[in-house]
Amino acid sequence: MPVNLLEFDLEQLSQYCESLGEKRFRATQLFRWIHQRGANSFDQMTDLAKSLRVLLESHCAITPLKVISRQNSKDGTIKWLFDVGGGDAVETVFIPEDDRGTLCISSQAGCAVGCVFCSTGHQGFSRNLTTAEIVSQLWFAEHTLRSEFARSERIVSNIVMMGMGEPLQNYSALVPALKTMLSDHGYGISRRRLTVSTSGVVPMIERLGRDAPVALAVSLHAPNDTLRDRLVPLNKKYPLAELRQACVSYLAVAPRDFITFEYCMLDGVNDSLEHAQEIVDWLRPTPSLKLQPLPAKINLIPFNPFPASGLLCSSPQTVKAFSQLLLAAGIVTTVRKTRGDDIDAACGQLAGEVLDRTDVVHRMSKQKTIPLKPIESLQ
């Protein structure tokens, strides 16, 4: 089977070229053709010797994901459904704005974390995506949109690893993909404009800081362990105190001087003013606790209801009051504008098509610890 060159970051591609008996600089040429120009055929690479193109043709390929469907929202958001084989499909979303173009990329088919308010999590987990499958989402979106808009300059300026899956549970495939996105010979995305979102995989946060420090977004969703254990089951393994320390440590290498915390507003569950004050106390503890303040930006996310959740979105008045308390405490707070909800492309709505291959006994056990009960049971 041919080697898919979308699988390699630049250093890996250099090593592969050497294994074929070629000089390392050939990798840079190849990398630019693939990622900057969108070539998917070696015949297009006219500045490479014919003998090299024949050699590459016999050993490798540039194989992007196949598109199953595309939906266009009335607000300009675009959602693609990509076939990743074996009955699985993942979704990718492009969000155009006046000053940027943001691409939301998936890292797994399904998700094993099982947050109660996330449509993807309700499907269960099938498998990790490969580096090629992660990068292919960007490759396809970037070069498809350039062609459609008749533009030669970059379309995707911001990337958020906030699609289907928990990126830090697919670490070995994630890091080469990030390096390809960051490379000046690839997509040249700024570290400040490349965000990895995590539900709190503490050991991998520390590793990411060493291997590919980019902007970090943490799915918080609850200000205390009792509530977060129920909303974000991973909290049972990595509680808030450990998560906080990992975030403080990450700031030493982060491209921004704050951590972004995502907070999904759930009616009657996590949206009281007492919860907001707990966030303030968690970020800015009293000196007696001997903890340094944690610089943060809070993104309040209106919940996008789906039938299996049994949850509702907080009222606009509640969201405003919650936001005002945080702002009064000096914490930068924004309320995320919902985009693409008419095509189920908004935050928490990405579902794709996933065959849940998790063990049946494990799933039954998980259901006992994370019951999908009415909202009053989660208070």
Protein backbone atom coordinates (compact mmCIF):
# COMPACT_ATOMS: atom_id res chain seq x y z
CA MET A 1 0.00 0.00 0.00
CA PRO A 2 1.47 3.42 -0.91
CA VAL A 3 2.65 5.67 1.91
CA ASN A 4 0.31 8.65 2.34
CA LEU A 5 2.54 11.73 2.47
CA LEU A 6 -0.13 13.66 4.38
CA GLU A 7 0.94 11.54 7.35
CA PHE A 8 4.33 13.25 7.71
CA ASP A 9 5.43 16.52 9.26
CA LEU A 10 8.46 18.12 7.60
CA GLU A 11 11.08 16.31 9.68
CA GLN A 12 9.36 12.95 9.14
CA LEU A 13 9.13 13.65 5.40
CA SER A 14 12.85 14.49 5.35
CA GLN A 15 13.62 11.14 6.94
CA TYR A 16 11.36 9.39 4.45
CA CYS A 17 13.11 11.06 1.49
CA GLU A 18 16.45 9.92 2.88
CA SER A 19 15.11 6.37 3.10
CA LEU A 20 14.44 6.59 -0.66
CA GLY A 21 18.01 7.72 -1.26
CA GLU A 22 17.07 11.36 -1.83
CA LYS A 23 18.48 14.53 -0.29
CA ARG A 24 16.61 16.09 2.65
CA PHE A 25 15.91 19.31 0.75
CA ARG A 26 13.59 17.35 -1.54
CA ALA A 27 11.26 17.05 1.44
CA THR A 28 10.88 20.82 1.63
CA GLN A 29 9.98 20.94 -2.07
CA LEU A 30 7.46 18.14 -1.63
CA PHE A 31 6.02 19.69 1.52
CA ARG A 32 5.42 23.02 -0.21
CA TRP A 33 3.78 21.38 -3.21
CA ILE A 34 1.44 19.35 -1.02
CA HIS A 35 0.45 21.89 1.62
CA GLN A 36 1.01 25.32 0.10
CA ARG A 37 -0.11 24.51 -3.45
CA GLY A 38 -2.53 21.67 -2.76
CA ALA A 39 -0.95 19.21 -5.19
CA ASN A 40 -2.29 15.66 -5.04
CA SER A 41 -0.38 14.35 -8.07
CA PHE A 42 3.38 14.12 -8.51
CA ASP A 43 2.97 15.12 -12.16
CA GLN A 44 2.02 18.60 -10.92
CA MET A 45 5.43 19.02 -9.27
CA THR A 46 7.17 20.37 -12.32
CA ASP A 47 10.39 21.46 -10.61
CA LEU A 48 11.13 17.88 -9.53
CA ALA A 49 13.16 15.66 -11.85
CA LYS A 50 11.10 13.16 -13.84
CA SER A 51 13.07 10.29 -12.29
CA LEU A 52 12.14 11.48 -8.79
CA ARG A 53 8.48 11.82 -9.70
CA VAL A 54 8.49 8.25 -11.04
CA LEU A 55 10.15 7.07 -7.81
CA LEU A 56 7.59 8.84 -5.66
CA GLU A 57 4.72 7.51 -7.77
CA SER A 58 5.88 3.96 -7.14
CA HIS A 59 6.22 4.30 -3.37
CA CYS A 60 3.77 6.87 -2.07
CA ALA A 61 0.66 8.93 -2.67
CA ILE A 62 -1.16 12.05 -1.52
CA THR A 63 -4.50 10.67 -0.39
CA PRO A 64 -7.00 13.08 1.19
CA LEU A 65 -10.26 12.03 2.81
CA LYS A 66 -13.34 11.51 0.67
CA VAL A 67 -16.22 13.92 1.15
CA ILE A 68 -19.59 12.37 1.88
CA SER A 69 -21.58 15.58 2.10
CA ARG A 70 -21.39 19.33 2.48
CA GLN A 71 -23.84 21.72 4.12
CA ASN A 72 -23.85 25.51 3.89
CA SER A 73 -25.40 27.54 6.69
CA LYS A 74 -27.30 30.74 6.08
CA ASP A 75 -24.60 32.56 8.11
CA GLY A 76 -21.81 31.35 5.79
CA THR A 77 -20.61 28.45 7.94
CA ILE A 78 -19.72 25.32 5.98
CA LYS A 79 -19.74 21.77 7.35
CA TRP A 80 -18.18 18.78 5.58
CA LEU A 81 -18.73 15.14 6.46
CA PHE A 82 -15.63 13.06 5.66
CA ASP A 83 -15.48 9.30 5.22
CA VAL A 84 -12.72 7.76 7.35
CA GLY A 85 -13.60 4.15 6.51
CA GLY A 86 -15.02 1.26 8.48
CA GLY A 87 -18.44 2.88 8.72
CA ASP A 88 -17.06 5.98 10.44
CA ALA A 89 -17.34 9.60 9.33
CA VAL A 90 -16.14 12.83 10.95
CA GLU A 91 -17.18 16.44 10.59
CA THR A 92 -15.17 19.59 9.91
CA VAL A 93 -16.52 23.14 10.11
CA PHE A 94 -15.33 26.36 8.47
CA ILE A 95 -16.48 29.60 10.11
CA PRO A 96 -15.88 32.76 8.04
CA GLU A 97 -15.63 36.14 9.73
CA ASP A 98 -14.61 39.59 8.53
CA ASP A 99 -11.08 39.36 9.92
CA ARG A 100 -10.43 35.62 9.94
CA GLY A 101 -11.40 32.19 8.68
CA THR A 102 -11.56 29.55 11.41
CA LEU A 103 -11.48 25.81 10.75
CA CYS A 104 -12.75 23.43 13.44
CA ILE A 105 -11.01 20.06 13.01
CA SER A 106 -11.84 16.60 14.42
CA SER A 107 -9.21 14.35 16.01
CA GLN A 108 -11.20 11.17 16.69
CA ALA A 109 -14.15 9.25 15.33
CA GLY A 110 -16.43 9.64 18.31
CA CYS A 111 -15.17 10.48 21.78
CA ALA A 112 -14.49 8.41 24.90
CA VAL A 113 -14.80 11.27 27.43
CA GLY A 114 -18.59 11.17 27.52
CA CYS A 115 -19.50 14.73 28.58
CA VAL A 116 -23.25 14.71 29.14
CA PHE A 117 -23.91 17.87 27.11
CA CYS A 118 -21.97 16.83 23.99
CA SER A 119 -23.64 15.12 21.04
CA THR A 120 -20.36 13.50 19.94
CA GLY A 121 -19.84 11.97 23.37
CA HIS A 122 -23.26 10.32 23.27
CA GLN A 123 -22.16 8.27 20.27
CA GLY A 124 -19.34 6.55 22.07
CA PHE A 125 -15.83 6.08 20.70
CA SER A 126 -14.73 4.27 17.56
CA ARG A 127 -11.06 5.11 16.94
CA ASN A 128 -8.34 7.73 16.76
CA LEU A 129 -7.75 9.50 13.47
CA THR A 130 -4.34 9.24 11.86
CA THR A 131 -2.15 12.29 11.31
CA ALA A 132 -3.05 12.14 7.62
CA GLU A 133 -6.78 12.16 8.44
CA ILE A 134 -6.37 15.17 10.74
CA VAL A 135 -4.24 17.13 8.26
CA SER A 136 -6.47 16.14 5.34
CA GLN A 137 -9.34 18.16 6.81
CA LEU A 138 -7.22 21.31 6.59
CA TRP A 139 -5.71 20.38 3.21
CA PHE A 140 -9.16 19.88 1.68
CA ALA A 141 -10.81 22.95 3.23
CA GLU A 142 -7.95 25.32 2.43
CA HIS A 143 -7.50 24.39 -1.20
CA THR A 144 -11.18 23.85 -1.94
CA LEU A 145 -12.05 27.30 -0.62
CA ARG A 146 -9.14 28.95 -2.43
CA SER A 147 -10.50 27.53 -5.67
CA GLU A 148 -14.09 28.54 -4.92
CA PHE A 149 -13.16 32.09 -3.89
CA ALA A 150 -10.54 32.44 -6.66
CA ARG A 151 -7.91 33.45 -4.15
CA SER A 152 -4.25 32.54 -3.98
CA GLU A 153 -3.69 33.76 -0.42
CA ARG A 154 -4.47 31.69 2.64
CA ILE A 155 -8.16 31.22 3.51
CA VAL A 156 -7.83 29.44 6.86
CA SER A 157 -6.15 31.80 9.32
CA ASN A 158 -7.21 30.15 12.58
CA ILE A 159 -7.49 26.49 13.54
CA VAL A 160 -9.28 25.07 16.55
CA MET A 161 -8.93 21.41 17.48
CA MET A 162 -12.49 21.46 18.82
CA GLY A 163 -14.23 19.05 16.47
CA MET A 164 -15.11 15.47 17.28
CA GLY A 165 -12.92 13.80 19.89
CA GLU A 166 -10.47 14.66 22.67
CA PRO A 167 -7.25 15.74 20.90
CA LEU A 168 -4.93 14.93 23.79
CA GLN A 169 -6.14 11.33 23.84
CA ASN A 170 -4.76 11.03 20.30
CA TYR A 171 -1.44 12.64 21.10
CA SER A 172 0.91 10.70 18.81
CA ALA A 173 -1.13 11.67 15.73
CA LEU A 174 -1.92 15.19 16.95
CA VAL A 175 1.61 16.54 17.38
CA PRO A 176 2.86 15.86 13.81
CA ALA A 177 -0.38 17.39 12.51
CA LEU A 178 0.21 20.52 14.62
CA LYS A 179 3.78 20.78 13.35
CA THR A 180 2.54 20.62 9.75
CA MET A 181 0.00 23.36 10.45
CA LEU A 182 2.64 25.55 12.10
CA SER A 183 5.42 25.03 9.55
CA ASP A 184 6.33 28.00 7.35
CA HIS A 185 6.72 25.45 4.54
CA GLY A 186 3.23 24.12 5.28
CA TYR A 187 0.30 26.31 6.35
CA GLY A 188 2.22 28.87 8.41
CA ILE A 189 -0.44 29.14 11.12
CA SER A 190 0.65 31.26 14.08
CA ARG A 191 0.92 29.48 17.44
CA ARG A 192 -1.47 32.09 18.81
CA ARG A 193 -4.03 31.17 16.14
CA LEU A 194 -3.80 27.40 16.58
CA THR A 195 -5.81 26.20 19.55
CA VAL A 196 -5.98 22.75 21.08
CA SER A 197 -9.05 22.15 23.22
CA THR A 198 -8.99 19.55 25.97
CA SER A 199 -11.37 18.33 28.65
CA GLY A 200 -8.36 18.12 30.97
CA VAL A 201 -5.92 15.30 30.15
CA VAL A 202 -3.36 16.62 32.62
CA PRO A 203 -0.23 14.59 31.67
CA MET A 204 -0.70 15.42 27.99
CA ILE A 205 -1.09 19.15 28.72
CA GLU A 206 2.38 19.03 30.21
CA ARG A 207 3.76 17.13 27.20
CA LEU A 208 2.11 19.50 24.73
CA GLY A 209 3.95 22.36 26.39
CA ARG A 210 7.23 20.65 25.57
CA ASP A 211 6.43 19.27 22.12
CA ALA A 212 4.18 21.83 20.40
CA PRO A 213 3.11 24.75 22.60
CA VAL A 214 0.06 26.34 21.03
CA ALA A 215 -2.94 28.19 22.43
CA LEU A 216 -4.76 26.07 25.00
CA ALA A 217 -8.51 25.92 25.63
CA VAL A 218 -9.82 23.87 28.53
CA SER A 219 -13.39 22.61 28.72
CA LEU A 220 -14.22 23.60 32.30
CA HIS A 221 -18.04 23.57 32.48
CA ALA A 222 -18.17 23.30 36.29
CA PRO A 223 -16.36 25.13 39.10
CA ASN A 224 -16.18 22.29 41.63
CA ASP A 225 -15.26 18.63 41.52
CA THR A 226 -18.65 17.30 42.60
CA LEU A 227 -20.47 18.87 39.66
CA ARG A 228 -17.63 18.46 37.16
CA ASP A 229 -17.37 14.73 37.95
CA ARG A 230 -20.89 14.40 36.59
CA LEU A 231 -20.61 16.75 33.61
CA VAL A 232 -17.06 15.90 32.53
CA PRO A 233 -16.28 12.35 33.73
CA LEU A 234 -12.54 12.77 33.08
CA ASN A 235 -12.51 15.00 36.17
CA LYS A 236 -12.63 11.87 38.33
CA LYS A 237 -9.14 11.00 37.07
CA TYR A 238 -7.75 14.53 36.84
CA PRO A 239 -9.59 16.75 39.37
CA LEU A 240 -9.67 20.52 39.25
CA ALA A 241 -6.64 21.08 41.50
CA GLU A 242 -4.43 19.01 39.18
CA LEU A 243 -5.93 20.65 36.11
CA ARG A 244 -5.29 24.08 37.54
CA GLN A 245 -1.63 23.34 38.24
CA ALA A 246 -1.16 21.95 34.70
CA CYS A 247 -2.62 25.17 33.27
CA VAL A 248 -0.38 27.36 35.44
CA SER A 249 2.65 25.38 34.27
CA TYR A 250 1.56 25.58 30.63
CA LEU A 251 1.52 29.38 30.74
CA ALA A 252 5.32 29.38 30.94
CA VAL A 253 5.49 28.18 27.32
CA ALA A 254 2.10 29.20 25.92
CA PRO A 255 2.01 31.71 23.03
CA ARG A 256 -0.62 33.70 24.95
CA ASP A 257 -0.48 34.97 28.51
CA PHE A 258 -3.76 33.34 29.48
CA ILE A 259 -5.63 30.05 29.24
CA THR A 260 -9.07 29.99 27.62
CA PHE A 261 -11.74 28.16 29.59
CA GLU A 262 -14.88 26.98 27.82
CA TYR A 263 -18.05 26.93 29.91
CA CYS A 264 -21.28 25.50 28.50
CA MET A 265 -24.27 27.22 30.08
CA LEU A 266 -26.79 24.61 31.27
CA ASP A 267 -30.11 25.75 32.68
CA GLY A 268 -30.38 25.05 36.39
CA VAL A 269 -27.19 22.97 36.40
CA ASN A 270 -24.07 25.14 36.40
CA ASP A 271 -25.36 28.65 35.77
CA SER A 272 -26.04 30.20 39.19
CA LEU A 273 -24.24 33.26 40.50
CA GLU A 274 -22.76 31.00 43.17
CA HIS A 275 -21.16 28.94 40.39
CA ALA A 276 -19.78 32.10 38.81
CA GLN A 277 -18.26 33.16 42.13
CA GLU A 278 -16.68 29.71 42.48
CA ILE A 279 -14.98 30.25 39.12
CA VAL A 280 -13.59 33.56 40.36
CA ASP A 281 -12.32 31.90 43.55
CA TRP A 282 -10.75 29.06 41.55
CA LEU A 283 -8.92 31.42 39.23
CA ARG A 284 -7.95 33.94 41.92
CA PRO A 285 -7.63 32.11 45.23
CA THR A 286 -6.93 33.92 48.49
CA PRO A 287 -3.23 34.38 49.36
CA SER A 288 -3.64 32.03 52.33
CA LEU A 289 -3.99 29.13 49.89
CA LYS A 290 -0.52 29.91 48.52
CA LEU A 291 -1.70 29.51 44.95
CA GLN A 292 -0.80 31.98 42.25
CA PRO A 293 -3.65 33.51 40.20
CA LEU A 294 -4.44 31.77 36.92
CA PRO A 295 -4.73 34.30 34.05
CA ALA A 296 -7.79 33.29 32.06
CA LYS A 297 -10.36 34.16 29.47
CA ILE A 298 -13.80 32.61 29.92
CA ASN A 299 -15.91 31.68 26.91
CA LEU A 300 -19.53 31.18 27.91
CA ILE A 301 -21.17 28.85 25.40
CA PRO A 302 -24.94 28.75 25.00
CA PHE A 303 -25.86 25.06 25.10
CA ASN A 304 -27.14 23.60 21.84
CA PRO A 305 -29.83 21.13 22.96
CA PHE A 306 -30.20 17.69 21.43
CA PRO A 307 -32.82 15.09 22.40
CA ALA A 308 -30.58 12.58 24.21
CA SER A 309 -29.11 15.13 26.61
CA GLY A 310 -32.19 15.99 28.67
CA LEU A 311 -30.64 19.44 29.17
CA LEU A 312 -31.65 22.98 28.30
CA CYS A 313 -29.76 26.19 27.57
CA SER A 314 -29.59 28.88 30.24
CA SER A 315 -31.76 31.91 29.56
CA PRO A 316 -30.16 35.02 28.04
CA GLN A 317 -30.80 36.85 31.31
CA THR A 318 -28.98 34.16 33.28
CA VAL A 319 -26.04 34.14 30.89
CA LYS A 320 -25.81 37.94 31.12
CA ALA A 321 -25.84 37.96 34.93
CA PHE A 322 -23.24 35.16 35.03
CA SER A 323 -21.04 37.08 32.62
CA GLN A 324 -21.40 40.36 34.51
CA LEU A 325 -20.22 38.79 37.78
CA LEU A 326 -17.09 37.43 36.08
CA LEU A 327 -16.41 40.75 34.35
CA ALA A 328 -16.85 42.65 37.61
CA ALA A 329 -14.15 40.43 39.10
CA GLY A 330 -11.80 41.52 36.31
CA ILE A 331 -11.96 38.28 34.32
CA VAL A 332 -12.12 38.65 30.54
CA THR A 333 -15.41 37.00 29.58
CA THR A 334 -17.16 36.57 26.26
CA VAL A 335 -20.41 34.90 25.24
CA ARG A 336 -19.80 32.81 22.17
CA LYS A 337 -21.96 33.65 19.21
CA THR A 338 -23.68 30.54 17.89
CA ARG A 339 -22.71 29.82 14.28
CA GLY A 340 -24.01 27.12 11.95
CA ASP A 341 -26.71 25.84 14.28
CA ASP A 342 -29.11 25.45 11.36
CA ILE A 343 -26.80 22.72 9.95
CA ASP A 344 -25.86 21.24 13.36
CA ALA A 345 -22.39 22.75 13.10
CA ALA A 346 -22.43 24.68 16.37
CA CYS A 347 -20.38 23.83 19.46
CA GLY A 348 -21.27 20.40 20.85
CA GLN A 349 -23.40 19.43 17.86
CA LEU A 350 -20.82 17.61 15.73
CA ALA A 351 -21.92 14.00 15.52
CA GLY A 352 -20.71 12.57 12.21
CA GLU A 353 -21.42 8.88 11.76
CA VAL A 354 -19.62 6.62 14.18
CA LEU A 355 -19.84 2.93 14.93
CA ASP A 356 -19.36 2.73 18.68
CA ARG A 357 -16.71 0.04 19.11
CA THR A 358 -16.26 0.50 22.85
CA ASP A 359 -16.79 -2.62 24.91
CA VAL A 360 -20.44 -3.22 25.83
CA VAL A 361 -19.62 -3.89 29.49
CA HIS A 362 -17.56 -0.70 29.64
CA ARG A 363 -20.40 1.29 28.14
CA MET A 364 -22.91 -0.13 30.63
CA SER A 365 -20.54 0.75 33.46
CA LYS A 366 -20.10 4.25 32.10
CA GLN A 367 -23.84 4.72 31.89
CA LYS A 368 -24.13 3.89 35.59
CA THR A 369 -21.65 6.59 36.56
CA ILE A 370 -22.86 9.23 34.08
CA PRO A 371 -26.64 8.86 34.01
CA LEU A 372 -28.56 10.89 31.46
CA LYS A 373 -31.14 12.13 33.92
CA PRO A 374 -33.25 15.26 34.05
CA ILE A 375 -31.39 18.46 34.76
CA GLU A 376 -32.48 18.71 38.42
CA SER A 377 -30.47 15.55 39.18
CA LEU A 378 -27.26 17.27 38.10
CA GLN A 379 -27.47 20.17 40.54
